[in-house]
Amino acid sequence: MPHFVIDCSENILTLQEPEKLIHNVHRSACNSELFDETDIKVRLNPFKDNYLVGGRKQDFIHVFANIMEGRTTEQKANISKQIVRQLKTLFPTVSFIAVNIRDFEKATYCNKTMV
């Protein structure tokens, strides 16, 4: 159920293999012990031209995590920090690395197996 969508500047993909970035976020989500590994989804959206960071073109990584409601603020903060720590190690020259976590409402979430 959890979805981790990685937005990044396209140049990020020249610094490390895309699969390494995806697996790194997946591993961090697994290590949090908040999710079943088979439920974790990770996607990558590189941006070539249409972005600015601080008013200029510079490399960035931003992970948007969408998870089912019910985790504590502390649990969500821990997974955010875990992901950022891992990405800082993987991309030491990238100055903008961030994560934010949003909750899905259980009452309004639906997928094809539910209908």
PDB file of N, CA and C in Angstrom:
ATOM      1  N   MET A   1       0.789  -1.206   0.000  1.00  0.00           N
ATOM      2  CA  MET A   1       0.000   0.000   0.000  1.00  0.00           C
ATOM      3  C   MET A   1       0.828   1.266   0.000  1.00  0.00           C
ATOM      4  N   PRO A   2       1.923   1.351   0.743  1.00  0.00           N
ATOM      5  CA  PRO A   2       2.660   2.614   0.719  1.00  0.00           C
ATOM      6  C   PRO A   2       3.274   2.876  -0.657  1.00  0.00           C
ATOM      7  N   HIS A   3       3.180   4.132  -1.074  1.00  0.00           N
ATOM      8  CA  HIS A   3       3.735   4.564  -2.354  1.00  0.00           C
ATOM      9  C   HIS A   3       4.815   5.600  -2.073  1.00  0.00           C
ATOM     10  N   PHE A   4       5.996   5.371  -2.605  1.00  0.00           N
ATOM     11  CA  PHE A   4       7.106   6.303  -2.480  1.00  0.00           C
ATOM     12  C   PHE A   4       7.436   6.797  -3.878  1.00  0.00           C
ATOM     13  N   VAL A   5       7.152   8.067  -4.139  1.00  0.00           N
ATOM     14  CA  VAL A   5       7.375   8.656  -5.460  1.00  0.00           C
ATOM     15  C   VAL A   5       8.557   9.602  -5.343  1.00  0.00           C
ATOM     16  N   ILE A   6       9.598   9.318  -6.117  1.00  0.00           N
ATOM     17  CA  ILE A   6      10.836  10.093  -6.070  1.00  0.00           C
ATOM     18  C   ILE A   6      10.858  11.056  -7.251  1.00  0.00           C
ATOM     19  N   ASP A   7      10.793  12.341  -6.954  1.00  0.00           N
ATOM     20  CA  ASP A   7      11.022  13.366  -7.965  1.00  0.00           C
ATOM     21  C   ASP A   7      12.490  13.764  -7.850  1.00  0.00           C
ATOM     22  N   CYS A   8      13.139  13.944  -8.999  1.00  0.00           N
ATOM     23  CA  CYS A   8      14.540  14.353  -8.962  1.00  0.00           C
ATOM     24  C   CYS A   8      14.920  15.036 -10.263  1.00  0.00           C
ATOM     25  N   SER A   9      16.009  15.785 -10.213  1.00  0.00           N
ATOM     26  CA  SER A   9      16.569  16.338 -11.441  1.00  0.00           C
ATOM     27  C   SER A   9      17.161  15.168 -12.231  1.00  0.00           C
ATOM     28  N   GLU A  10      17.087  15.255 -13.547  1.00  0.00           N
ATOM     29  CA  GLU A  10      17.554  14.160 -14.392  1.00  0.00           C
ATOM     30  C   GLU A  10      19.032  13.857 -14.181  1.00  0.00           C
ATOM     31  N   ASN A  11      19.804  14.852 -13.839  1.00  0.00           N
ATOM     32  CA  ASN A  11      21.237  14.653 -13.619  1.00  0.00           C
ATOM     33  C   ASN A  11      21.524  13.653 -12.501  1.00  0.00           C
ATOM     34  N   ILE A  12      20.594  13.497 -11.575  1.00  0.00           N
ATOM     35  CA  ILE A  12      20.749  12.528 -10.487  1.00  0.00           C
ATOM     36  C   ILE A  12      21.037  11.142 -11.061  1.00  0.00           C
ATOM     37  N   LEU A  13      20.425  10.842 -12.196  1.00  0.00           N
ATOM     38  CA  LEU A  13      20.561   9.520 -12.809  1.00  0.00           C
ATOM     39  C   LEU A  13      21.947   9.286 -13.395  1.00  0.00           C
ATOM     40  N   THR A  14      22.746  10.355 -13.511  1.00  0.00           N
ATOM     41  CA  THR A  14      24.135  10.182 -13.952  1.00  0.00           C
ATOM     42  C   THR A  14      25.072   9.980 -12.757  1.00  0.00           C
ATOM     43  N   LEU A  15      24.601  10.324 -11.573  1.00  0.00           N
ATOM     44  CA  LEU A  15      25.417  10.188 -10.365  1.00  0.00           C
ATOM     45  C   LEU A  15      25.362   8.771  -9.794  1.00  0.00           C
ATOM     46  N   GLN A  16      24.218   8.118  -9.956  1.00  0.00           N
ATOM     47  CA  GLN A  16      24.003   6.736  -9.503  1.00  0.00           C
ATOM     48  C   GLN A  16      23.016   6.074 -10.457  1.00  0.00           C
ATOM     49  N   GLU A  17      23.060   4.786 -10.528  1.00  0.00           N
ATOM     50  CA  GLU A  17      22.080   4.050 -11.334  1.00  0.00           C
ATOM     51  C   GLU A  17      20.681   4.276 -10.753  1.00  0.00           C
ATOM     52  N   PRO A  18      19.672   4.484 -11.602  1.00  0.00           N
ATOM     53  CA  PRO A  18      18.302   4.682 -11.109  1.00  0.00           C
ATOM     54  C   PRO A  18      17.842   3.559 -10.178  1.00  0.00           C
ATOM     55  N   GLU A  19      18.203   2.327 -10.517  1.00  0.00           N
ATOM     56  CA  GLU A  19      17.795   1.181  -9.700  1.00  0.00           C
ATOM     57  C   GLU A  19      18.361   1.286  -8.283  1.00  0.00           C
ATOM     58  N   LYS A  20      19.556   1.841  -8.165  1.00  0.00           N
ATOM     59  CA  LYS A  20      20.174   1.989  -6.849  1.00  0.00           C
ATOM     60  C   LYS A  20      19.372   2.967  -5.988  1.00  0.00           C
ATOM     61  N   LEU A  21      18.932   4.047  -6.585  1.00  0.00           N
ATOM     62  CA  LEU A  21      18.103   5.025  -5.892  1.00  0.00           C
ATOM     63  C   LEU A  21      16.776   4.393  -5.460  1.00  0.00           C
ATOM     64  N   ILE A  22      16.126   3.711  -6.379  1.00  0.00           N
ATOM     65  CA  ILE A  22      14.835   3.068  -6.097  1.00  0.00           C
ATOM     66  C   ILE A  22      14.988   2.020  -4.996  1.00  0.00           C
ATOM     67  N   HIS A  23      16.002   1.177  -5.102  1.00  0.00           N
ATOM     68  CA  HIS A  23      16.211   0.125  -4.097  1.00  0.00           C
ATOM     69  C   HIS A  23      16.574   0.713  -2.733  1.00  0.00           C
ATOM     70  N   ASN A  24      17.290   1.828  -2.745  1.00  0.00           N
ATOM     71  CA  ASN A  24      17.664   2.466  -1.495  1.00  0.00           C
ATOM     72  C   ASN A  24      16.429   2.947  -0.738  1.00  0.00           C
ATOM     73  N   VAL A  25      15.498   3.576  -1.437  1.00  0.00           N
ATOM     74  CA  VAL A  25      14.259   4.041  -0.800  1.00  0.00           C
ATOM     75  C   VAL A  25      13.426   2.837  -0.363  1.00  0.00           C
ATOM     76  N   HIS A  26      13.359   1.810  -1.204  1.00  0.00           N
ATOM     77  CA  HIS A  26      12.609   0.598  -0.852  1.00  0.00           C
ATOM     78  C   HIS A  26      13.175  -0.043   0.415  1.00  0.00           C
ATOM     79  N   ARG A  27      14.494  -0.157   0.477  1.00  0.00           N
ATOM     80  CA  ARG A  27      15.144  -0.759   1.643  1.00  0.00           C
ATOM     81  C   ARG A  27      14.870   0.050   2.908  1.00  0.00           C
ATOM     82  N   SER A  28      14.918   1.367   2.809  1.00  0.00           N
ATOM     83  CA  SER A  28      14.626   2.219   3.966  1.00  0.00           C
ATOM     84  C   SER A  28      13.194   2.004   4.445  1.00  0.00           C
ATOM     85  N   ALA A  29      12.269   1.888   3.509  1.00  0.00           N
ATOM     86  CA  ALA A  29      10.868   1.631   3.878  1.00  0.00           C
ATOM     87  C   ALA A  29      10.739   0.271   4.559  1.00  0.00           C
ATOM     88  N   CYS A  30      11.423  -0.739   4.023  1.00  0.00           N
ATOM     89  CA  CYS A  30      11.409  -2.080   4.636  1.00  0.00           C
ATOM     90  C   CYS A  30      12.004  -2.048   6.036  1.00  0.00           C
ATOM     91  N   ASN A  31      13.128  -1.377   6.181  1.00  0.00           N
ATOM     92  CA  ASN A  31      13.819  -1.324   7.464  1.00  0.00           C
ATOM     93  C   ASN A  31      13.016  -0.611   8.547  1.00  0.00           C
ATOM     94  N   SER A  32      12.044   0.193   8.145  1.00  0.00           N
ATOM     95  CA  SER A  32      11.216   0.891   9.132  1.00  0.00           C
ATOM     96  C   SER A  32      10.301  -0.077   9.876  1.00  0.00           C
ATOM     97  N   GLU A  33      10.084  -1.250   9.299  1.00  0.00           N
ATOM     98  CA  GLU A  33       9.199  -2.281   9.852  1.00  0.00           C
ATOM     99  C   GLU A  33       7.754  -1.798   9.996  1.00  0.00           C
ATOM    100  N   LEU A  34       7.387  -0.783   9.228  1.00  0.00           N
ATOM    101  CA  LEU A  34       6.015  -0.286   9.242  1.00  0.00           C
ATOM    102  C   LEU A  34       5.159  -0.914   8.143  1.00  0.00           C
ATOM    103  N   PHE A  35       5.820  -1.550   7.162  1.00  0.00           N
ATOM    104  CA  PHE A  35       5.111  -2.050   5.993  1.00  0.00           C
ATOM    105  C   PHE A  35       5.561  -3.462   5.646  1.00  0.00           C
ATOM    106  N   ASP A  36       4.678  -4.193   5.004  1.00  0.00           N
ATOM    107  CA  ASP A  36       5.039  -5.482   4.433  1.00  0.00           C
ATOM    108  C   ASP A  36       5.824  -5.191   3.156  1.00  0.00           C
ATOM    109  N   GLU A  37       6.969  -5.800   3.003  1.00  0.00           N
ATOM    110  CA  GLU A  37       7.841  -5.516   1.856  1.00  0.00           C
ATOM    111  C   GLU A  37       7.115  -5.639   0.518  1.00  0.00           C
ATOM    112  N   THR A  38       6.243  -6.614   0.383  1.00  0.00           N
ATOM    113  CA  THR A  38       5.556  -6.834  -0.900  1.00  0.00           C
ATOM    114  C   THR A  38       4.511  -5.761  -1.200  1.00  0.00           C
ATOM    115  N   ASP A  39       4.177  -4.941  -0.214  1.00  0.00           N
ATOM    116  CA  ASP A  39       3.195  -3.870  -0.421  1.00  0.00           C
ATOM    117  C   ASP A  39       3.839  -2.545  -0.837  1.00  0.00           C
ATOM    118  N   ILE A  40       5.139  -2.423  -0.664  1.00  0.00           N
ATOM    119  CA  ILE A  40       5.833  -1.154  -0.912  1.00  0.00           C
ATOM    120  C   ILE A  40       6.011  -0.926  -2.415  1.00  0.00           C
ATOM    121  N   LYS A  41       5.609   0.262  -2.849  1.00  0.00           N
ATOM    122  CA  LYS A  41       5.761   0.650  -4.256  1.00  0.00           C
ATOM    123  C   LYS A  41       6.662   1.888  -4.320  1.00  0.00           C
ATOM    124  N   VAL A  42       7.630   1.857  -5.231  1.00  0.00           N
ATOM    125  CA  VAL A  42       8.550   2.989  -5.394  1.00  0.00           C
ATOM    126  C   VAL A  42       8.600   3.339  -6.879  1.00  0.00           C
ATOM    127  N   ARG A  43       8.412   4.628  -7.167  1.00  0.00           N
ATOM    128  CA  ARG A  43       8.472   5.105  -8.552  1.00  0.00           C
ATOM    129  C   ARG A  43       9.421   6.298  -8.638  1.00  0.00           C
ATOM    130  N   LEU A  44       9.976   6.493  -9.816  1.00  0.00           N
ATOM    131  CA  LEU A  44      10.968   7.546 -10.035  1.00  0.00           C
ATOM    132  C   LEU A  44      10.509   8.459 -11.166  1.00  0.00           C
ATOM    133  N   ASN A  45      10.496   9.773 -10.905  1.00  0.00           N
ATOM    134  CA  ASN A  45      10.139  10.785 -11.898  1.00  0.00           C
ATOM    135  C   ASN A  45      11.297  11.762 -12.062  1.00  0.00           C
ATOM    136  N   PRO A  46      12.155  11.561 -13.071  1.00  0.00           N
ATOM    137  CA  PRO A  46      13.221  12.536 -13.289  1.00  0.00           C
ATOM    138  C   PRO A  46      12.708  13.733 -14.105  1.00  0.00           C
ATOM    139  N   PHE A  47      13.171  14.920 -13.750  1.00  0.00           N
ATOM    140  CA  PHE A  47      12.801  16.149 -14.448  1.00  0.00           C
ATOM    141  C   PHE A  47      14.009  16.649 -15.226  1.00  0.00           C
ATOM    142  N   LYS A  48      13.828  16.865 -16.534  1.00  0.00           N
ATOM    143  CA  LYS A  48      14.931  17.308 -17.378  1.00  0.00           C
ATOM    144  C   LYS A  48      15.034  18.832 -17.407  1.00  0.00           C
ATOM    145  N   ASP A  49      13.950  19.498 -17.716  1.00  0.00           N
ATOM    146  CA  ASP A  49      14.016  20.941 -17.937  1.00  0.00           C
ATOM    147  C   ASP A  49      13.093  21.766 -17.045  1.00  0.00           C
ATOM    148  N   ASN A  50      11.988  21.247 -16.680  1.00  0.00           N
ATOM    149  CA  ASN A  50      10.935  22.045 -16.061  1.00  0.00           C
ATOM    150  C   ASN A  50      10.976  22.014 -14.539  1.00  0.00           C
ATOM    151  N   TYR A  51      11.980  22.651 -13.972  1.00  0.00           N
ATOM    152  CA  TYR A  51      12.085  22.749 -12.522  1.00  0.00           C
ATOM    153  C   TYR A  51      13.059  23.864 -12.141  1.00  0.00           C
ATOM    154  N   LEU A  52      12.885  24.394 -10.948  1.00  0.00           N
ATOM    155  CA  LEU A  52      13.821  25.319 -10.316  1.00  0.00           C
ATOM    156  C   LEU A  52      13.926  24.939  -8.852  1.00  0.00           C
ATOM    157  N   VAL A  53      15.088  25.052  -8.310  1.00  0.00           N
ATOM    158  CA  VAL A  53      15.322  24.834  -6.883  1.00  0.00           C
ATOM    159  C   VAL A  53      16.001  26.104  -6.374  1.00  0.00           C
ATOM    160  N   GLY A  54      15.309  26.819  -5.514  1.00  0.00           N
ATOM    161  CA  GLY A  54      15.869  28.088  -5.040  1.00  0.00           C
ATOM    162  C   GLY A  54      16.057  29.093  -6.157  1.00  0.00           C
ATOM    163  N   GLY A  55      15.203  29.033  -7.173  1.00  0.00           N
ATOM    164  CA  GLY A  55      15.260  29.989  -8.275  1.00  0.00           C
ATOM    165  C   GLY A  55      16.270  29.661  -9.358  1.00  0.00           C
ATOM    166  N   ARG A  56      16.893  28.486  -9.269  1.00  0.00           N
ATOM    167  CA  ARG A  56      17.865  28.110 -10.308  1.00  0.00           C
ATOM    168  C   ARG A  56      17.871  26.605 -10.523  1.00  0.00           C
ATOM    169  N   LYS A  57      18.519  26.191 -11.582  1.00  0.00           N
ATOM    170  CA  LYS A  57      18.669  24.768 -11.877  1.00  0.00           C
ATOM    171  C   LYS A  57      19.757  24.195 -10.985  1.00  0.00           C
ATOM    172  N   GLN A  58      19.378  23.322 -10.093  1.00  0.00           N
ATOM    173  CA  GLN A  58      20.355  22.586  -9.300  1.00  0.00           C
ATOM    174  C   GLN A  58      19.750  21.229  -8.969  1.00  0.00           C
ATOM    175  N   ASP A  59      20.609  20.273  -8.751  1.00  0.00           N
ATOM    176  CA  ASP A  59      20.140  18.916  -8.498  1.00  0.00           C
ATOM    177  C   ASP A  59      19.304  18.842  -7.230  1.00  0.00           C
ATOM    178  N   PHE A  60      18.294  17.971  -7.290  1.00  0.00           N
ATOM    179  CA  PHE A  60      17.428  17.773  -6.141  1.00  0.00           C
ATOM    180  C   PHE A  60      16.872  16.355  -6.133  1.00  0.00           C
ATOM    181  N   ILE A  61      16.484  15.913  -4.948  1.00  0.00           N
ATOM    182  CA  ILE A  61      15.733  14.671  -4.766  1.00  0.00           C
ATOM    183  C   ILE A  61      14.657  14.981  -3.733  1.00  0.00           C
ATOM    184  N   HIS A  62      13.420  14.701  -4.079  1.00  0.00           N
ATOM    185  CA  HIS A  62      12.311  14.861  -3.134  1.00  0.00           C
ATOM    186  C   HIS A  62      11.462  13.604  -3.193  1.00  0.00           C
ATOM    187  N   VAL A  63      11.295  12.952  -2.045  1.00  0.00           N
ATOM    188  CA  VAL A  63      10.503  11.730  -1.963  1.00  0.00           C
ATOM    189  C   VAL A  63       9.162  12.075  -1.329  1.00  0.00           C
ATOM    190  N   PHE A  64       8.095  11.754  -2.054  1.00  0.00           N
ATOM    191  CA  PHE A  64       6.737  11.916  -1.546  1.00  0.00           C
ATOM    192  C   PHE A  64       6.245  10.533  -1.137  1.00  0.00           C
ATOM    193  N   ALA A  65       6.017  10.359   0.147  1.00  0.00           N
ATOM    194  CA  ALA A  65       5.553   9.072   0.659  1.00  0.00           C
ATOM    195  C   ALA A  65       4.076   9.188   0.999  1.00  0.00           C
ATOM    196  N   ASN A  66       3.282   8.319   0.415  1.00  0.00           N
ATOM    197  CA  ASN A  66       1.856   8.264   0.698  1.00  0.00           C
ATOM    198  C   ASN A  66       1.575   6.939   1.381  1.00  0.00           C
ATOM    199  N   ILE A  67       1.144   7.011   2.643  1.00  0.00           N
ATOM    200  CA  ILE A  67       0.951   5.794   3.428  1.00  0.00           C
ATOM    201  C   ILE A  67      -0.445   5.790   4.052  1.00  0.00           C
ATOM    202  N   MET A  68      -0.918   4.595   4.412  1.00  0.00           N
ATOM    203  CA  MET A  68      -2.212   4.489   5.070  1.00  0.00           C
ATOM    204  C   MET A  68      -2.139   5.135   6.445  1.00  0.00           C
ATOM    205  N   GLU A  69      -3.179   5.850   6.804  1.00  0.00           N
ATOM    206  CA  GLU A  69      -3.238   6.498   8.116  1.00  0.00           C
ATOM    207  C   GLU A  69      -3.048   5.469   9.231  1.00  0.00           C
ATOM    208  N   GLY A  70      -2.660   5.951  10.398  1.00  0.00           N
ATOM    209  CA  GLY A  70      -2.534   5.069  11.549  1.00  0.00           C
ATOM    210  C   GLY A  70      -1.146   5.018  12.143  1.00  0.00           C
ATOM    211  N   ARG A  71      -0.148   5.560  11.455  1.00  0.00           N
ATOM    212  CA  ARG A  71       1.205   5.612  12.025  1.00  0.00           C
ATOM    213  C   ARG A  71       1.339   6.877  12.862  1.00  0.00           C
ATOM    214  N   THR A  72       2.176   6.802  13.863  1.00  0.00           N
ATOM    215  CA  THR A  72       2.383   7.969  14.718  1.00  0.00           C
ATOM    216  C   THR A  72       3.272   8.985  14.015  1.00  0.00           C
ATOM    217  N   THR A  73       3.236  10.205  14.519  1.00  0.00           N
ATOM    218  CA  THR A  73       4.115  11.252  13.995  1.00  0.00           C
ATOM    219  C   THR A  73       5.566  10.831  14.158  1.00  0.00           C
ATOM    220  N   GLU A  74       5.894  10.223  15.273  1.00  0.00           N
ATOM    221  CA  GLU A  74       7.262   9.760  15.515  1.00  0.00           C
ATOM    222  C   GLU A  74       7.683   8.704  14.495  1.00  0.00           C
ATOM    223  N   GLN A  75       6.817   7.760  14.183  1.00  0.00           N
ATOM    224  CA  GLN A  75       7.133   6.736  13.185  1.00  0.00           C
ATOM    225  C   GLN A  75       7.365   7.364  11.823  1.00  0.00           C
ATOM    226  N   LYS A  76       6.523   8.314  11.452  1.00  0.00           N
ATOM    227  CA  LYS A  76       6.670   8.976  10.151  1.00  0.00           C
ATOM    228  C   LYS A  76       7.946   9.819  10.105  1.00  0.00           C
ATOM    229  N   ALA A  77       8.263  10.491  11.200  1.00  0.00           N
ATOM    230  CA  ALA A  77       9.497  11.281  11.257  1.00  0.00           C
ATOM    231  C   ALA A  77      10.716  10.374  11.147  1.00  0.00           C
ATOM    232  N   ASN A  78      10.675   9.221  11.794  1.00  0.00           N
ATOM    233  CA  ASN A  78      11.802   8.287  11.741  1.00  0.00           C
ATOM    234  C   ASN A  78      12.049   7.771  10.333  1.00  0.00           C
ATOM    235  N   ILE A  79      10.991   7.401   9.614  1.00  0.00           N
ATOM    236  CA  ILE A  79      11.206   6.896   8.254  1.00  0.00           C
ATOM    237  C   ILE A  79      11.702   8.018   7.345  1.00  0.00           C
ATOM    238  N   SER A  80      11.210   9.240   7.531  1.00  0.00           N
ATOM    239  CA  SER A  80      11.711  10.376   6.740  1.00  0.00           C
ATOM    240  C   SER A  80      13.209  10.561   6.960  1.00  0.00           C
ATOM    241  N   LYS A  81      13.619  10.555   8.210  1.00  0.00           N
ATOM    242  CA  LYS A  81      15.040  10.737   8.529  1.00  0.00           C
ATOM    243  C   LYS A  81      15.876   9.578   8.005  1.00  0.00           C
ATOM    244  N   GLN A  82      15.346   8.367   8.092  1.00  0.00           N
ATOM    245  CA  GLN A  82      16.059   7.194   7.590  1.00  0.00           C
ATOM    246  C   GLN A  82      16.318   7.322   6.081  1.00  0.00           C
ATOM    247  N   ILE A  83      15.298   7.726   5.348  1.00  0.00           N
ATOM    248  CA  ILE A  83      15.439   7.875   3.893  1.00  0.00           C
ATOM    249  C   ILE A  83      16.444   8.976   3.573  1.00  0.00           C
ATOM    250  N   VAL A  84      16.339  10.120   4.243  1.00  0.00           N
ATOM    251  CA  VAL A  84      17.260  11.230   3.968  1.00  0.00           C
ATOM    252  C   VAL A  84      18.701  10.832   4.300  1.00  0.00           C
ATOM    253  N   ARG A  85      18.895  10.148   5.416  1.00  0.00           N
ATOM    254  CA  ARG A  85      20.264   9.694   5.765  1.00  0.00           C
ATOM    255  C   ARG A  85      20.844   8.813   4.667  1.00  0.00           C
ATOM    256  N   GLN A  86      20.058   7.862   4.191  1.00  0.00           N
ATOM    257  CA  GLN A  86      20.531   6.956   3.142  1.00  0.00           C
ATOM    258  C   GLN A  86      20.845   7.710   1.858  1.00  0.00           C
ATOM    259  N   LEU A  87      19.970   8.645   1.492  1.00  0.00           N
ATOM    260  CA  LEU A  87      20.184   9.392   0.252  1.00  0.00           C
ATOM    261  C   LEU A  87      21.368  10.348   0.360  1.00  0.00           C
ATOM    262  N   LYS A  88      21.598  10.916   1.544  1.00  0.00           N
ATOM    263  CA  LYS A  88      22.779  11.770   1.749  1.00  0.00           C
ATOM    264  C   LYS A  88      24.058  10.970   1.520  1.00  0.00           C
ATOM    265  N   THR A  89      24.069   9.723   1.961  1.00  0.00           N
ATOM    266  CA  THR A  89      25.239   8.862   1.773  1.00  0.00           C
ATOM    267  C   THR A  89      25.422   8.521   0.304  1.00  0.00           C
ATOM    268  N   LEU A  90      24.317   8.232  -0.363  1.00  0.00           N
ATOM    269  CA  LEU A  90      24.358   7.844  -1.774  1.00  0.00           C
ATOM    270  C   LEU A  90      24.670   9.026  -2.694  1.00  0.00           C
ATOM    271  N   PHE A  91      24.220  10.235  -2.304  1.00  0.00           N
ATOM    272  CA  PHE A  91      24.379  11.436  -3.130  1.00  0.00           C
ATOM    273  C   PHE A  91      24.985  12.575  -2.301  1.00  0.00           C
ATOM    274  N   PRO A  92      26.258  12.458  -1.931  1.00  0.00           N
ATOM    275  CA  PRO A  92      26.867  13.463  -1.044  1.00  0.00           C
ATOM    276  C   PRO A  92      26.981  14.862  -1.655  1.00  0.00           C
ATOM    277  N   THR A  93      26.951  14.980  -2.980  1.00  0.00           N
ATOM    278  CA  THR A  93      27.097  16.293  -3.612  1.00  0.00           C
ATOM    279  C   THR A  93      25.767  16.994  -3.862  1.00  0.00           C
ATOM    280  N   VAL A  94      24.663  16.319  -3.602  1.00  0.00           N
ATOM    281  CA  VAL A  94      23.345  16.910  -3.846  1.00  0.00           C
ATOM    282  C   VAL A  94      22.928  17.697  -2.604  1.00  0.00           C
ATOM    283  N   SER A  95      22.671  18.988  -2.786  1.00  0.00           N
ATOM    284  CA  SER A  95      22.392  19.843  -1.628  1.00  0.00           C
ATOM    285  C   SER A  95      20.928  19.836  -1.204  1.00  0.00           C
ATOM    286  N   PHE A  96      20.016  19.454  -2.098  1.00  0.00           N
ATOM    287  CA  PHE A  96      18.600  19.430  -1.717  1.00  0.00           C
ATOM    288  C   PHE A  96      18.073  17.998  -1.772  1.00  0.00           C
ATOM    289  N   ILE A  97      17.874  17.422  -0.595  1.00  0.00           N
ATOM    290  CA  ILE A  97      17.285  16.089  -0.449  1.00  0.00           C
ATOM    291  C   ILE A  97      16.215  16.210   0.628  1.00  0.00           C
ATOM    292  N   ALA A  98      14.991  15.825   0.291  1.00  0.00           N
ATOM    293  CA  ALA A  98      13.897  15.977   1.247  1.00  0.00           C
ATOM    294  C   ALA A  98      12.877  14.843   1.098  1.00  0.00           C
ATOM    295  N   VAL A  99      12.101  14.661   2.159  1.00  0.00           N
ATOM    296  CA  VAL A  99      11.024  13.665   2.189  1.00  0.00           C
ATOM    297  C   VAL A  99       9.840  14.296   2.897  1.00  0.00           C
ATOM    298  N   ASN A 100       8.649  14.030   2.378  1.00  0.00           N
ATOM    299  CA  ASN A 100       7.472  14.328   3.179  1.00  0.00           C
ATOM    300  C   ASN A 100       6.502  13.151   3.088  1.00  0.00           C
ATOM    301  N   ILE A 101       5.774  12.963   4.161  1.00  0.00           N
ATOM    302  CA  ILE A 101       4.878  11.819   4.264  1.00  0.00           C
ATOM    303  C   ILE A 101       3.450  12.333   4.410  1.00  0.00           C
ATOM    304  N   ARG A 102       2.567  11.756   3.598  1.00  0.00           N
ATOM    305  CA  ARG A 102       1.150  12.102   3.649  1.00  0.00           C
ATOM    306  C   ARG A 102       0.358  10.841   3.957  1.00  0.00           C
ATOM    307  N   ASP A 103      -0.712  11.006   4.713  1.00  0.00           N
ATOM    308  CA  ASP A 103      -1.572   9.877   5.060  1.00  0.00           C
ATOM    309  C   ASP A 103      -2.740   9.745   4.092  1.00  0.00           C
ATOM    310  N   PHE A 104      -2.996   8.500   3.667  1.00  0.00           N
ATOM    311  CA  PHE A 104      -4.236   8.170   2.978  1.00  0.00           C
ATOM    312  C   PHE A 104      -5.300   7.959   4.040  1.00  0.00           C
ATOM    313  N   GLU A 105      -6.533   8.345   3.774  1.00  0.00           N
ATOM    314  CA  GLU A 105      -7.644   7.993   4.652  1.00  0.00           C
ATOM    315  C   GLU A 105      -8.124   6.598   4.287  1.00  0.00           C
ATOM    316  N   LYS A 106      -8.187   5.743   5.257  1.00  0.00           N
ATOM    317  CA  LYS A 106      -8.642   4.376   5.016  1.00  0.00           C
ATOM    318  C   LYS A 106     -10.052   4.375   4.427  1.00  0.00           C
ATOM    319  N   ALA A 107     -10.904   5.263   4.909  1.00  0.00           N
ATOM    320  CA  ALA A 107     -12.309   5.300   4.477  1.00  0.00           C
ATOM    321  C   ALA A 107     -12.460   5.674   3.001  1.00  0.00           C
ATOM    322  N   THR A 108     -11.500   6.421   2.441  1.00  0.00           N
ATOM    323  CA  THR A 108     -11.654   6.873   1.052  1.00  0.00           C
ATOM    324  C   THR A 108     -10.706   6.188   0.072  1.00  0.00           C
ATOM    325  N   TYR A 109      -9.819   5.340   0.582  1.00  0.00           N
ATOM    326  CA  TYR A 109      -8.879   4.639  -0.295  1.00  0.00           C
ATOM    327  C   TYR A 109      -9.599   3.478  -0.974  1.00  0.00           C
ATOM    328  N   CYS A 110      -9.298   3.292  -2.257  1.00  0.00           N
ATOM    329  CA  CYS A 110      -9.872   2.169  -2.992  1.00  0.00           C
ATOM    330  C   CYS A 110      -8.885   1.724  -4.058  1.00  0.00           C
ATOM    331  N   ASN A 111      -8.795   0.415  -4.260  1.00  0.00           N
ATOM    332  CA  ASN A 111      -8.029  -0.133  -5.382  1.00  0.00           C
ATOM    333  C   ASN A 111      -8.886  -1.194  -6.057  1.00  0.00           C
ATOM    334  N   LYS A 112      -8.394  -1.764  -7.148  1.00  0.00           N
ATOM    335  CA  LYS A 112      -9.233  -2.636  -7.954  1.00  0.00           C
ATOM    336  C   LYS A 112      -9.656  -3.915  -7.242  1.00  0.00           C
ATOM    337  N   THR A 113      -8.906  -4.364  -6.254  1.00  0.00           N
ATOM    338  CA  THR A 113      -9.314  -5.574  -5.529  1.00  0.00           C
ATOM    339  C   THR A 113     -10.442  -5.302  -4.537  1.00  0.00           C
ATOM    340  N   MET A 114     -10.723  -4.023  -4.310  1.00  0.00           N
ATOM    341  CA  MET A 114     -11.745  -3.662  -3.340  1.00  0.00           C
ATOM    342  C   MET A 114     -13.120  -3.448  -3.966  1.00  0.00           C
ATOM    343  N   VAL A 115     -13.210  -3.467  -5.288  1.00  0.00           N
ATOM    344  CA  VAL A 115     -14.505  -3.266  -5.962  1.00  0.00           C
ATOM    345  C   VAL A 115     -14.908  -4.474  -6.771  1.00  0.00           C
TER     346      VAL A 115
END
